[in-house]
Amino acid sequence: MVVGSILQHFSGRGIEYGWEGRPPSGTITGWPAALFTAALGVAGLAVAIWPEVAMGFFGWDEE
């Protein structure tokens, strides 16, 4: 998640969205894209630093 957010940020492209298997409906660019990639990077760091808490937060725990 961290590496993906860094690569997305420095690639200079926006974040494409749409239905899977179809061409993108649009692209998120500018500060919303930067905010999204920063949030993705923080989530990746949380999973790396506190895996038990982060996995529970995202619903990925086995309990």
PDB file of N, CA and C in Angstrom:
ATOM      1  N   MET A   1       0.814  -1.185   0.000  1.00  0.00           N
ATOM      2  CA  MET A   1       0.000   0.000   0.000  1.00  0.00           C
ATOM      3  C   MET A   1       0.864   1.258   0.000  1.00  0.00           C
ATOM      4  N   VAL A   2       1.932   1.206   0.778  1.00  0.00           N
ATOM      5  CA  VAL A   2       2.812   2.378   0.873  1.00  0.00           C
ATOM      6  C   VAL A   2       3.515   2.604  -0.455  1.00  0.00           C
ATOM      7  N   VAL A   3       4.075   1.552  -1.009  1.00  0.00           N
ATOM      8  CA  VAL A   3       4.802   1.671  -2.282  1.00  0.00           C
ATOM      9  C   VAL A   3       3.851   2.109  -3.391  1.00  0.00           C
ATOM     10  N   GLY A   4       2.662   1.541  -3.404  1.00  0.00           N
ATOM     11  CA  GLY A   4       1.674   1.918  -4.416  1.00  0.00           C
ATOM     12  C   GLY A   4       1.288   3.379  -4.339  1.00  0.00           C
ATOM     13  N   SER A   5       1.120   3.895  -3.126  1.00  0.00           N
ATOM     14  CA  SER A   5       0.749   5.301  -2.990  1.00  0.00           C
ATOM     15  C   SER A   5       1.899   6.216  -3.409  1.00  0.00           C
ATOM     16  N   ILE A   6       3.129   5.822  -3.100  1.00  0.00           N
ATOM     17  CA  ILE A   6       4.287   6.635  -3.513  1.00  0.00           C
ATOM     18  C   ILE A   6       4.415   6.649  -5.031  1.00  0.00           C
ATOM     19  N   LEU A   7       4.281   5.487  -5.645  1.00  0.00           N
ATOM     20  CA  LEU A   7       4.371   5.421  -7.103  1.00  0.00           C
ATOM     21  C   LEU A   7       3.246   6.204  -7.771  1.00  0.00           C
ATOM     22  N   GLN A   8       2.046   6.106  -7.226  1.00  0.00           N
ATOM     23  CA  GLN A   8       0.913   6.848  -7.778  1.00  0.00           C
ATOM     24  C   GLN A   8       1.143   8.349  -7.682  1.00  0.00           C
ATOM     25  N   HIS A   9       1.675   8.784  -6.556  1.00  0.00           N
ATOM     26  CA  HIS A   9       1.902  10.216  -6.350  1.00  0.00           C
ATOM     27  C   HIS A   9       2.945  10.766  -7.311  1.00  0.00           C
ATOM     28  N   PHE A  10       4.040  10.051  -7.480  1.00  0.00           N
ATOM     29  CA  PHE A  10       5.127  10.560  -8.313  1.00  0.00           C
ATOM     30  C   PHE A  10       4.947  10.275  -9.800  1.00  0.00           C
ATOM     31  N   SER A  11       3.960   9.456 -10.157  1.00  0.00           N
ATOM     32  CA  SER A  11       3.749   9.193 -11.575  1.00  0.00           C
ATOM     33  C   SER A  11       3.138  10.395 -12.286  1.00  0.00           C
ATOM     34  N   GLY A  12       2.454  11.247 -11.521  1.00  0.00           N
ATOM     35  CA  GLY A  12       1.875  12.442 -12.124  1.00  0.00           C
ATOM     36  C   GLY A  12       0.524  12.195 -12.779  1.00  0.00           C
ATOM     37  N   ARG A  13       0.089  10.953 -12.796  1.00  0.00           N
ATOM     38  CA  ARG A  13      -1.215  10.642 -13.379  1.00  0.00           C
ATOM     39  C   ARG A  13      -2.280  10.744 -12.301  1.00  0.00           C
ATOM     40  N   GLY A  14      -3.491  10.882 -12.732  1.00  0.00           N
ATOM     41  CA  GLY A  14      -4.598  10.897 -11.792  1.00  0.00           C
ATOM     42  C   GLY A  14      -5.011   9.480 -11.432  1.00  0.00           C
ATOM     43  N   ILE A  15      -6.024   9.384 -10.595  1.00  0.00           N
ATOM     44  CA  ILE A  15      -6.549   8.087 -10.168  1.00  0.00           C
ATOM     45  C   ILE A  15      -7.800   7.804 -10.983  1.00  0.00           C
ATOM     46  N   GLU A  16      -7.748   6.774 -11.804  1.00  0.00           N
ATOM     47  CA  GLU A  16      -8.879   6.436 -12.655  1.00  0.00           C
ATOM     48  C   GLU A  16      -9.914   5.655 -11.858  1.00  0.00           C
ATOM     49  N   TYR A  17     -11.185   5.867 -12.175  1.00  0.00           N
ATOM     50  CA  TYR A  17     -12.258   5.137 -11.501  1.00  0.00           C
ATOM     51  C   TYR A  17     -13.290   4.693 -12.529  1.00  0.00           C
ATOM     52  N   GLY A  18     -14.064   3.713 -12.148  1.00  0.00           N
ATOM     53  CA  GLY A  18     -15.111   3.182 -13.021  1.00  0.00           C
ATOM     54  C   GLY A  18     -15.367   1.729 -12.698  1.00  0.00           C
ATOM     55  N   TRP A  19     -16.181   1.091 -13.525  1.00  0.00           N
ATOM     56  CA  TRP A  19     -16.520  -0.314 -13.336  1.00  0.00           C
ATOM     57  C   TRP A  19     -15.397  -1.195 -13.838  1.00  0.00           C
ATOM     58  N   GLU A  20     -15.149  -2.280 -13.130  1.00  0.00           N
ATOM     59  CA  GLU A  20     -14.101  -3.219 -13.525  1.00  0.00           C
ATOM     60  C   GLU A  20     -14.467  -3.859 -14.854  1.00  0.00           C
ATOM     61  N   GLY A  21     -13.493  -3.986 -15.736  1.00  0.00           N
ATOM     62  CA  GLY A  21     -13.715  -4.608 -17.034  1.00  0.00           C
ATOM     63  C   GLY A  21     -14.188  -3.634 -18.102  1.00  0.00           C
ATOM     64  N   ARG A  22     -14.365  -2.372 -17.752  1.00  0.00           N
ATOM     65  CA  ARG A  22     -14.781  -1.350 -18.714  1.00  0.00           C
ATOM     66  C   ARG A  22     -13.764  -0.220 -18.692  1.00  0.00           C
ATOM     67  N   PRO A  23     -13.742   0.612 -19.714  1.00  0.00           N
ATOM     68  CA  PRO A  23     -12.821   1.761 -19.699  1.00  0.00           C
ATOM     69  C   PRO A  23     -13.133   2.685 -18.520  1.00  0.00           C
ATOM     70  N   PRO A  24     -12.143   3.421 -18.034  1.00  0.00           N
ATOM     71  CA  PRO A  24     -12.376   4.319 -16.891  1.00  0.00           C
ATOM     72  C   PRO A  24     -13.464   5.346 -17.188  1.00  0.00           C
ATOM     73  N   SER A  25     -14.273   5.633 -16.176  1.00  0.00           N
ATOM     74  CA  SER A  25     -15.318   6.650 -16.322  1.00  0.00           C
ATOM     75  C   SER A  25     -14.754   8.053 -16.200  1.00  0.00           C
ATOM     76  N   GLY A  26     -13.662   8.188 -15.463  1.00  0.00           N
ATOM     77  CA  GLY A  26     -13.047   9.497 -15.258  1.00  0.00           C
ATOM     78  C   GLY A  26     -11.755   9.361 -14.487  1.00  0.00           C
ATOM     79  N   THR A  27     -11.191  10.505 -14.144  1.00  0.00           N
ATOM     80  CA  THR A  27      -9.921  10.533 -13.433  1.00  0.00           C
ATOM     81  C   THR A  27      -9.975  11.575 -12.324  1.00  0.00           C
ATOM     82  N   ILE A  28      -9.528  11.199 -11.137  1.00  0.00           N
ATOM     83  CA  ILE A  28      -9.412  12.131 -10.023  1.00  0.00           C
ATOM     84  C   ILE A  28      -8.013  12.730 -10.084  1.00  0.00           C
ATOM     85  N   THR A  29      -7.928  14.060 -10.118  1.00  0.00           N
ATOM     86  CA  THR A  29      -6.630  14.729 -10.212  1.00  0.00           C
ATOM     87  C   THR A  29      -6.538  15.824  -9.150  1.00  0.00           C
ATOM     88  N   GLY A  30      -5.375  16.422  -9.036  1.00  0.00           N
ATOM     89  CA  GLY A  30      -5.177  17.558  -8.142  1.00  0.00           C
ATOM     90  C   GLY A  30      -5.113  17.161  -6.683  1.00  0.00           C
ATOM     91  N   TRP A  31      -5.587  18.077  -5.813  1.00  0.00           N
ATOM     92  CA  TRP A  31      -5.482  17.838  -4.372  1.00  0.00           C
ATOM     93  C   TRP A  31      -6.318  16.665  -3.900  1.00  0.00           C
ATOM     94  N   PRO A  32      -7.487  16.340  -4.502  1.00  0.00           N
ATOM     95  CA  PRO A  32      -8.193  15.136  -4.045  1.00  0.00           C
ATOM     96  C   PRO A  32      -7.381  13.861  -4.287  1.00  0.00           C
ATOM     97  N   ALA A  33      -6.678  13.802  -5.414  1.00  0.00           N
ATOM     98  CA  ALA A  33      -5.846  12.638  -5.701  1.00  0.00           C
ATOM     99  C   ALA A  33      -4.670  12.565  -4.725  1.00  0.00           C
ATOM    100  N   ALA A  34      -4.079  13.706  -4.414  1.00  0.00           N
ATOM    101  CA  ALA A  34      -2.972  13.737  -3.456  1.00  0.00           C
ATOM    102  C   ALA A  34      -3.453  13.321  -2.072  1.00  0.00           C
ATOM    103  N   LEU A  35      -4.638  13.777  -1.675  1.00  0.00           N
ATOM    104  CA  LEU A  35      -5.206  13.410  -0.379  1.00  0.00           C
ATOM    105  C   LEU A  35      -5.489  11.913  -0.305  1.00  0.00           C
ATOM    106  N   PHE A  36      -6.024  11.355  -1.384  1.00  0.00           N
ATOM    107  CA  PHE A  36      -6.312   9.922  -1.427  1.00  0.00           C
ATOM    108  C   PHE A  36      -5.038   9.097  -1.348  1.00  0.00           C
ATOM    109  N   THR A  37      -4.005   9.479  -2.087  1.00  0.00           N
ATOM    110  CA  THR A  37      -2.757   8.708  -2.040  1.00  0.00           C
ATOM    111  C   THR A  37      -2.088   8.838  -0.676  1.00  0.00           C
ATOM    112  N   ALA A  38      -2.206  10.006  -0.031  1.00  0.00           N
ATOM    113  CA  ALA A  38      -1.651  10.162   1.316  1.00  0.00           C
ATOM    114  C   ALA A  38      -2.392   9.262   2.305  1.00  0.00           C
ATOM    115  N   ALA A  39      -3.719   9.198   2.192  1.00  0.00           N
ATOM    116  CA  ALA A  39      -4.503   8.327   3.076  1.00  0.00           C
ATOM    117  C   ALA A  39      -4.149   6.866   2.849  1.00  0.00           C
ATOM    118  N   LEU A  40      -3.936   6.485   1.613  1.00  0.00           N
ATOM    119  CA  LEU A  40      -3.542   5.112   1.304  1.00  0.00           C
ATOM    120  C   LEU A  40      -2.168   4.802   1.899  1.00  0.00           C
ATOM    121  N   GLY A  41      -1.247   5.758   1.818  1.00  0.00           N
ATOM    122  CA  GLY A  41       0.078   5.570   2.413  1.00  0.00           C
ATOM    123  C   GLY A  41       0.015   5.441   3.923  1.00  0.00           C
ATOM    124  N   VAL A  42      -0.807   6.255   4.576  1.00  0.00           N
ATOM    125  CA  VAL A  42      -0.974   6.170   6.029  1.00  0.00           C
ATOM    126  C   VAL A  42      -1.575   4.829   6.418  1.00  0.00           C
ATOM    127  N   ALA A  43      -2.554   4.368   5.660  1.00  0.00           N
ATOM    128  CA  ALA A  43      -3.151   3.055   5.938  1.00  0.00           C
ATOM    129  C   ALA A  43      -2.109   1.946   5.793  1.00  0.00           C
ATOM    130  N   GLY A  44      -1.255   2.052   4.795  1.00  0.00           N
ATOM    131  CA  GLY A  44      -0.197   1.066   4.616  1.00  0.00           C
ATOM    132  C   GLY A  44       0.795   1.069   5.765  1.00  0.00           C
ATOM    133  N   LEU A  45       1.146   2.265   6.244  1.00  0.00           N
ATOM    134  CA  LEU A  45       2.049   2.356   7.395  1.00  0.00           C
ATOM    135  C   LEU A  45       1.401   1.786   8.646  1.00  0.00           C
ATOM    136  N   ALA A  46       0.115   2.034   8.823  1.00  0.00           N
ATOM    137  CA  ALA A  46      -0.596   1.498   9.991  1.00  0.00           C
ATOM    138  C   ALA A  46      -0.595  -0.026   9.974  1.00  0.00           C
ATOM    139  N   VAL A  47      -0.793  -0.611   8.805  1.00  0.00           N
ATOM    140  CA  VAL A  47      -0.778  -2.081   8.699  1.00  0.00           C
ATOM    141  C   VAL A  47       0.624  -2.607   9.001  1.00  0.00           C
ATOM    142  N   ALA A  48       1.655  -1.878   8.584  1.00  0.00           N
ATOM    143  CA  ALA A  48       3.025  -2.327   8.829  1.00  0.00           C
ATOM    144  C   ALA A  48       3.437  -2.157  10.290  1.00  0.00           C
ATOM    145  N   ILE A  49       3.010  -1.057  10.917  1.00  0.00           N
ATOM    146  CA  ILE A  49       3.437  -0.765  12.284  1.00  0.00           C
ATOM    147  C   ILE A  49       2.584  -1.486  13.327  1.00  0.00           C
ATOM    148  N   TRP A  50       1.268  -1.405  13.187  1.00  0.00           N
ATOM    149  CA  TRP A  50       0.333  -2.023  14.150  1.00  0.00           C
ATOM    150  C   TRP A  50      -0.582  -2.980  13.425  1.00  0.00           C
ATOM    151  N   PRO A  51      -0.098  -4.133  13.004  1.00  0.00           N
ATOM    152  CA  PRO A  51      -0.926  -5.026  12.195  1.00  0.00           C
ATOM    153  C   PRO A  51      -2.191  -5.509  12.897  1.00  0.00           C
ATOM    154  N   GLU A  52      -2.118  -5.763  14.209  1.00  0.00           N
ATOM    155  CA  GLU A  52      -3.306  -6.280  14.897  1.00  0.00           C
ATOM    156  C   GLU A  52      -4.425  -5.240  14.906  1.00  0.00           C
ATOM    157  N   VAL A  53      -4.075  -4.002  15.209  1.00  0.00           N
ATOM    158  CA  VAL A  53      -5.079  -2.939  15.270  1.00  0.00           C
ATOM    159  C   VAL A  53      -5.608  -2.616  13.876  1.00  0.00           C
ATOM    160  N   ALA A  54      -4.692  -2.474  12.913  1.00  0.00           N
ATOM    161  CA  ALA A  54      -5.100  -2.107  11.555  1.00  0.00           C
ATOM    162  C   ALA A  54      -5.946  -3.200  10.912  1.00  0.00           C
ATOM    163  N   MET A  55      -5.569  -4.449  11.116  1.00  0.00           N
ATOM    164  CA  MET A  55      -6.350  -5.541  10.530  1.00  0.00           C
ATOM    165  C   MET A  55      -7.762  -5.568  11.114  1.00  0.00           C
ATOM    166  N   GLY A  56      -7.880  -5.305  12.419  1.00  0.00           N
ATOM    167  CA  GLY A  56      -9.200  -5.240  13.040  1.00  0.00           C
ATOM    168  C   GLY A  56     -10.009  -4.068  12.518  1.00  0.00           C
ATOM    169  N   PHE A  57      -9.354  -2.928  12.310  1.00  0.00           N
ATOM    170  CA  PHE A  57     -10.035  -1.730  11.804  1.00  0.00           C
ATOM    171  C   PHE A  57     -10.601  -1.967  10.409  1.00  0.00           C
ATOM    172  N   PHE A  58      -9.818  -2.621   9.560  1.00  0.00           N
ATOM    173  CA  PHE A  58     -10.251  -2.873   8.183  1.00  0.00           C
ATOM    174  C   PHE A  58     -11.140  -4.119   8.062  1.00  0.00           C
ATOM    175  N   GLY A  59     -11.320  -4.842   9.163  1.00  0.00           N
ATOM    176  CA  GLY A  59     -12.151  -6.042   9.132  1.00  0.00           C
ATOM    177  C   GLY A  59     -11.443  -7.241   8.557  1.00  0.00           C
ATOM    178  N   TRP A  60     -10.117  -7.237   8.567  1.00  0.00           N
ATOM    179  CA  TRP A  60      -9.343  -8.340   8.000  1.00  0.00           C
ATOM    180  C   TRP A  60      -8.908  -9.335   9.058  1.00  0.00           C
ATOM    181  N   ASP A  61      -9.340  -9.139  10.308  1.00  0.00           N
ATOM    182  CA  ASP A  61      -8.938 -10.075  11.352  1.00  0.00           C
ATOM    183  C   ASP A  61      -9.775 -11.345  11.256  1.00  0.00           C
ATOM    184  N   GLU A  62      -9.321 -12.373  11.884  1.00  0.00           N
ATOM    185  CA  GLU A  62      -9.990 -13.677  11.779  1.00  0.00           C
ATOM    186  C   GLU A  62     -11.023 -13.894  12.864  1.00  0.00           C
ATOM    187  N   GLU A  63     -11.217 -12.921  13.736  1.00  0.00           N
ATOM    188  CA  GLU A  63     -12.158 -13.090  14.844  1.00  0.00           C
ATOM    189  C   GLU A  63     -13.569 -12.774  14.429  1.00  0.00           C
TER     190      GLU A  63
END
